[in-house]
Amino acid sequence: MDVLQISIAALPFLLSLASRNGKAIAPCLLASIFTVLLGDEPHRAVVAWCIGTLIAAVAVRERIRTT
């Protein structure tokens, strides 16, 4: 994987850092790691990335909603 692919794979983790709740960081980190590890199998990597992004998006939405 090149740097761009790893940056995209790390996006759920980076997005979860913006959330106020720290509970979303660990699942998003695991999803990003699985995305990198499953990079040879694109369909499985996309599923892991989508799950991580969904978790991070909900966490960020909750932060925005409470402010």
Protein backbone atom coordinates (compact mmCIF):
# COMPACT_ATOMS: atom_id res chain seq x y z
CA MET A 1 0.00 0.00 0.00
CA ASP A 2 1.22 3.48 -0.76
CA VAL A 3 0.93 6.55 1.43
CA LEU A 4 -2.37 7.73 -0.06
CA GLN A 5 -4.06 4.39 0.59
CA ILE A 6 -2.81 4.29 4.17
CA SER A 7 -4.02 7.87 4.69
CA ILE A 8 -7.48 6.95 3.45
CA ALA A 9 -7.46 3.81 5.62
CA ALA A 10 -6.62 5.92 8.68
CA LEU A 11 -9.47 8.36 8.03
CA PRO A 12 -11.95 6.72 10.46
CA PHE A 13 -9.40 6.87 13.26
CA LEU A 14 -8.52 10.49 12.54
CA LEU A 15 -12.19 11.42 12.36
CA SER A 16 -12.90 9.71 15.68
CA LEU A 17 -10.25 11.87 17.35
CA ALA A 18 -12.55 14.83 16.73
CA SER A 19 -15.34 13.28 18.77
CA ARG A 20 -15.84 14.24 22.38
CA ASN A 21 -16.53 10.67 23.47
CA GLY A 22 -13.39 8.55 23.76
CA LYS A 23 -15.33 5.31 23.32
CA ALA A 24 -15.29 5.61 19.53
CA ILE A 25 -11.51 5.84 19.21
CA ALA A 26 -10.67 2.17 19.85
CA PRO A 27 -13.19 0.65 17.39
CA CYS A 28 -12.17 3.14 14.71
CA LEU A 29 -8.51 2.36 15.29
CA LEU A 30 -9.22 -1.35 14.92
CA ALA A 31 -11.23 -0.72 11.75
CA SER A 32 -8.34 1.29 10.29
CA ILE A 33 -5.85 -1.44 11.16
CA PHE A 34 -8.09 -4.09 9.59
CA THR A 35 -8.44 -1.93 6.49
CA VAL A 36 -4.66 -1.77 6.09
CA LEU A 37 -4.22 -5.48 6.78
CA LEU A 38 -6.98 -6.43 4.34
CA GLY A 39 -5.63 -4.17 1.61
CA ASP A 40 -4.98 -7.16 -0.65
CA GLU A 41 -8.67 -8.10 -0.52
CA PRO A 42 -10.48 -4.88 -1.53
CA HIS A 43 -14.03 -6.01 -0.77
CA ARG A 44 -13.21 -6.90 2.82
CA ALA A 45 -11.14 -3.75 3.27
CA VAL A 46 -14.03 -1.59 2.09
CA VAL A 47 -16.39 -3.22 4.60
CA ALA A 48 -13.97 -2.58 7.47
CA TRP A 49 -13.41 1.01 6.32
CA CYS A 50 -17.16 1.70 6.01
CA ILE A 51 -17.85 0.35 9.50
CA GLY A 52 -15.09 2.50 10.98
CA THR A 53 -16.26 5.57 9.13
CA LEU A 54 -19.84 5.01 10.25
CA ILE A 55 -18.78 4.74 13.90
CA ALA A 56 -16.66 7.88 13.62
CA ALA A 57 -19.39 9.83 11.83
CA VAL A 58 -21.94 9.01 14.52
CA ALA A 59 -19.49 10.06 17.25
CA VAL A 60 -18.74 13.37 15.53
CA ARG A 61 -22.44 13.97 14.90
CA GLU A 62 -23.14 13.49 18.60
CA ARG A 63 -20.42 15.98 19.47
CA ILE A 64 -21.87 18.56 17.08
CA ARG A 65 -25.40 17.92 18.34
CA THR A 66 -24.49 18.47 22.00
CA THR A 67 -22.74 21.81 21.41
